[in-house]
N, C-alpha and C. Protein backbone atom coordinates (compact mmCIF):
# COMPACT_ATOMS: atom_id res chain seq x y z
N MET A 1 38.87 -28.07 -21.13
CA MET A 1 39.28 -26.92 -21.88
C MET A 1 38.02 -26.17 -22.34
N ILE A 2 37.98 -24.89 -22.14
CA ILE A 2 36.83 -24.07 -22.51
C ILE A 2 37.10 -23.45 -23.87
N ARG A 3 36.12 -23.59 -24.73
CA ARG A 3 36.25 -22.98 -26.05
C ARG A 3 36.00 -21.50 -25.95
N ASP A 4 36.48 -20.79 -26.91
CA ASP A 4 36.36 -19.33 -26.93
C ASP A 4 34.89 -18.90 -26.94
N GLY A 5 34.03 -19.57 -27.65
CA GLY A 5 32.61 -19.22 -27.73
C GLY A 5 31.89 -19.43 -26.41
N GLN A 6 32.29 -20.48 -25.66
CA GLN A 6 31.67 -20.74 -24.38
C GLN A 6 32.02 -19.66 -23.36
N ALA A 7 33.23 -19.19 -23.37
CA ALA A 7 33.65 -18.14 -22.43
C ALA A 7 32.90 -16.85 -22.74
N THR A 8 32.71 -16.53 -24.00
CA THR A 8 31.99 -15.33 -24.39
C THR A 8 30.54 -15.43 -23.96
N GLY A 9 29.93 -16.59 -24.09
CA GLY A 9 28.54 -16.79 -23.67
C GLY A 9 28.37 -16.61 -22.17
N ALA A 10 29.30 -17.13 -21.40
CA ALA A 10 29.24 -16.99 -19.95
C ALA A 10 29.37 -15.53 -19.53
N ARG A 11 30.26 -14.81 -20.21
CA ARG A 11 30.41 -13.38 -19.90
C ARG A 11 29.15 -12.61 -20.26
N GLY A 12 28.51 -12.99 -21.35
CA GLY A 12 27.28 -12.33 -21.77
C GLY A 12 26.16 -12.53 -20.75
N TRP A 13 26.01 -13.78 -20.27
CA TRP A 13 24.97 -14.04 -19.26
C TRP A 13 25.30 -13.34 -17.96
N SER A 14 26.57 -13.27 -17.62
CA SER A 14 26.98 -12.57 -16.41
C SER A 14 26.61 -11.09 -16.50
N TYR A 15 26.83 -10.50 -17.65
CA TYR A 15 26.49 -9.09 -17.87
C TYR A 15 24.98 -8.87 -17.75
N VAL A 16 24.20 -9.76 -18.36
CA VAL A 16 22.74 -9.64 -18.31
C VAL A 16 22.25 -9.77 -16.87
N LEU A 17 22.80 -10.73 -16.14
CA LEU A 17 22.40 -10.94 -14.75
C LEU A 17 22.72 -9.71 -13.90
N ARG A 18 23.91 -9.15 -14.07
CA ARG A 18 24.28 -7.94 -13.31
C ARG A 18 23.38 -6.76 -13.68
N LEU A 19 23.03 -6.62 -14.94
CA LEU A 19 22.15 -5.55 -15.38
C LEU A 19 20.76 -5.70 -14.76
N LEU A 20 20.22 -6.91 -14.76
CA LEU A 20 18.91 -7.16 -14.17
C LEU A 20 18.90 -6.90 -12.67
N MET A 21 19.94 -7.33 -12.00
CA MET A 21 20.03 -7.09 -10.55
C MET A 21 20.11 -5.60 -10.24
N THR A 22 20.87 -4.87 -11.03
CA THR A 22 20.99 -3.42 -10.83
C THR A 22 19.64 -2.74 -11.03
N LEU A 23 18.92 -3.14 -12.06
CA LEU A 23 17.61 -2.55 -12.31
C LEU A 23 16.62 -2.88 -11.20
N CYS A 24 16.68 -4.10 -10.70
CA CYS A 24 15.79 -4.49 -9.60
C CYS A 24 16.08 -3.68 -8.35
N PHE A 25 17.34 -3.54 -8.01
CA PHE A 25 17.70 -2.77 -6.81
C PHE A 25 17.37 -1.30 -6.98
N ALA A 26 17.55 -0.77 -8.16
CA ALA A 26 17.21 0.64 -8.40
C ALA A 26 15.71 0.85 -8.29
N GLY A 27 14.93 -0.11 -8.78
CA GLY A 27 13.48 -0.02 -8.66
C GLY A 27 13.01 -0.10 -7.23
N CYS A 28 13.63 -0.95 -6.43
CA CYS A 28 13.24 -1.08 -5.03
C CYS A 28 13.62 0.16 -4.23
N ALA A 29 14.66 0.81 -4.58
CA ALA A 29 15.10 1.99 -3.84
C ALA A 29 14.13 3.15 -4.00
N SER A 30 13.47 3.23 -5.15
CA SER A 30 12.58 4.36 -5.37
C SER A 30 11.13 4.03 -5.06
N TRP A 31 10.82 2.79 -4.72
CA TRP A 31 9.45 2.39 -4.46
C TRP A 31 9.03 2.85 -3.08
N THR A 32 7.83 3.41 -2.98
CA THR A 32 7.30 3.78 -1.68
C THR A 32 5.97 3.07 -1.48
N SER A 33 5.67 2.79 -0.28
CA SER A 33 4.44 2.09 0.05
C SER A 33 3.25 3.01 -0.13
N PRO A 34 2.21 2.54 -0.83
CA PRO A 34 1.02 3.37 -1.01
C PRO A 34 0.14 3.42 0.23
N THR A 35 0.45 2.61 1.22
CA THR A 35 -0.36 2.55 2.43
C THR A 35 0.00 3.72 3.35
N PRO A 36 -0.99 4.52 3.74
CA PRO A 36 -0.70 5.60 4.66
C PRO A 36 -0.36 5.05 6.04
N PRO A 37 0.27 5.85 6.88
CA PRO A 37 0.64 5.37 8.22
C PRO A 37 -0.60 5.07 9.06
N SER A 38 -0.44 4.21 10.05
CA SER A 38 -1.58 3.81 10.89
C SER A 38 -2.14 4.98 11.67
N THR A 39 -1.33 5.99 11.94
CA THR A 39 -1.84 7.15 12.66
C THR A 39 -2.88 7.89 11.83
N ALA A 40 -2.75 7.84 10.50
CA ALA A 40 -3.74 8.48 9.64
C ALA A 40 -5.08 7.75 9.77
N PHE A 41 -5.05 6.42 9.86
CA PHE A 41 -6.29 5.68 10.05
C PHE A 41 -6.91 6.01 11.40
N ASP A 42 -6.08 6.07 12.44
CA ASP A 42 -6.60 6.37 13.77
C ASP A 42 -7.28 7.74 13.80
N ASP A 43 -6.68 8.72 13.14
CA ASP A 43 -7.27 10.05 13.08
C ASP A 43 -8.60 10.04 12.32
N ASP A 44 -8.63 9.35 11.17
CA ASP A 44 -9.85 9.28 10.38
C ASP A 44 -10.93 8.48 11.11
N ALA A 45 -10.55 7.41 11.79
CA ALA A 45 -11.52 6.60 12.53
C ALA A 45 -12.14 7.41 13.66
N ALA A 46 -11.33 8.19 14.36
CA ALA A 46 -11.85 9.03 15.45
C ALA A 46 -12.79 10.09 14.90
N ALA A 47 -12.44 10.68 13.76
CA ALA A 47 -13.30 11.69 13.15
C ALA A 47 -14.63 11.08 12.71
N CYS A 48 -14.60 9.89 12.15
CA CYS A 48 -15.83 9.22 11.72
C CYS A 48 -16.68 8.84 12.93
N GLN A 49 -16.04 8.36 13.97
CA GLN A 49 -16.77 8.00 15.19
C GLN A 49 -17.47 9.23 15.77
N ALA A 50 -16.77 10.36 15.81
CA ALA A 50 -17.37 11.59 16.32
C ALA A 50 -18.53 12.04 15.44
N GLU A 51 -18.36 11.89 14.14
CA GLU A 51 -19.41 12.27 13.19
C GLU A 51 -20.67 11.43 13.40
N VAL A 52 -20.48 10.13 13.58
CA VAL A 52 -21.63 9.23 13.79
C VAL A 52 -22.30 9.53 15.13
N MET A 53 -21.51 9.76 16.16
CA MET A 53 -22.08 10.04 17.48
C MET A 53 -22.84 11.36 17.48
N GLN A 54 -22.36 12.32 16.71
CA GLN A 54 -23.04 13.61 16.63
C GLN A 54 -24.38 13.45 15.91
N ALA A 55 -24.44 12.59 14.91
CA ALA A 55 -25.67 12.39 14.15
C ALA A 55 -26.64 11.45 14.87
N ALA A 56 -26.15 10.58 15.72
CA ALA A 56 -26.99 9.57 16.38
C ALA A 56 -28.11 10.16 17.24
N PRO A 57 -27.87 11.14 18.11
CA PRO A 57 -28.97 11.63 18.95
C PRO A 57 -30.09 12.31 18.15
N THR A 58 -29.76 12.89 17.03
CA THR A 58 -30.77 13.62 16.27
C THR A 58 -31.54 12.72 15.32
N SER A 59 -30.98 11.58 14.92
CA SER A 59 -31.66 10.76 13.92
C SER A 59 -32.07 9.38 14.42
N VAL A 60 -31.85 9.07 15.67
CA VAL A 60 -32.22 7.79 16.27
C VAL A 60 -31.77 6.62 15.39
N LEU A 61 -30.47 6.54 15.17
CA LEU A 61 -29.90 5.45 14.38
C LEU A 61 -29.78 4.20 15.24
N SER A 62 -30.13 3.05 14.69
CA SER A 62 -29.91 1.80 15.41
C SER A 62 -28.41 1.53 15.44
N GLU A 63 -28.03 0.56 16.24
CA GLU A 63 -26.60 0.24 16.38
C GLU A 63 -26.00 -0.20 15.04
N SER A 64 -26.73 -1.01 14.28
CA SER A 64 -26.21 -1.47 12.99
C SER A 64 -26.14 -0.31 12.00
N ASN A 65 -27.09 0.60 12.07
CA ASN A 65 -27.05 1.77 11.19
C ASN A 65 -25.89 2.70 11.55
N GLN A 66 -25.58 2.80 12.84
CA GLN A 66 -24.42 3.59 13.27
C GLN A 66 -23.14 2.99 12.71
N TYR A 67 -23.04 1.68 12.78
CA TYR A 67 -21.86 0.99 12.26
C TYR A 67 -21.76 1.20 10.74
N ASP A 68 -22.89 1.09 10.05
CA ASP A 68 -22.90 1.29 8.60
C ASP A 68 -22.47 2.72 8.25
N ALA A 69 -22.93 3.69 9.03
CA ALA A 69 -22.54 5.08 8.80
C ALA A 69 -21.05 5.28 9.06
N TYR A 70 -20.54 4.62 10.08
CA TYR A 70 -19.11 4.68 10.41
C TYR A 70 -18.28 4.10 9.26
N ILE A 71 -18.69 2.93 8.76
CA ILE A 71 -17.97 2.29 7.65
C ILE A 71 -18.06 3.16 6.39
N ALA A 72 -19.22 3.74 6.12
CA ALA A 72 -19.38 4.61 4.95
C ALA A 72 -18.46 5.82 5.07
N CYS A 73 -18.34 6.35 6.27
CA CYS A 73 -17.44 7.51 6.48
C CYS A 73 -15.99 7.11 6.19
N LEU A 74 -15.59 5.94 6.67
CA LEU A 74 -14.21 5.47 6.41
C LEU A 74 -13.98 5.26 4.92
N HIS A 75 -14.98 4.72 4.23
CA HIS A 75 -14.86 4.53 2.77
C HIS A 75 -14.73 5.88 2.07
N ASP A 76 -15.47 6.87 2.52
CA ASP A 76 -15.36 8.21 1.94
C ASP A 76 -13.97 8.80 2.13
N LYS A 77 -13.32 8.42 3.21
CA LYS A 77 -11.97 8.93 3.49
C LYS A 77 -10.89 8.09 2.81
N GLY A 78 -11.30 7.07 2.07
CA GLY A 78 -10.34 6.27 1.32
C GLY A 78 -9.91 4.98 1.99
N TRP A 79 -10.57 4.58 3.04
CA TRP A 79 -10.22 3.34 3.73
C TRP A 79 -11.15 2.28 3.25
């Protein structure tokens, strides 16, 4: 036999659980990924590669310096 107080407590927890689940699902529905699409990286990587190659003949950059310049360019673009 369930006492009146126990039934009220179960209904209260049920209400809280439904409220929390609703809030979680509502939060997930509006969340967007902060990561840009991979095509954006490909475009930025190609632009950085072209920039480094354009600078390489005029400044005689070593291979490691070219790589460092490429990485610095990507960092400047937010990668």
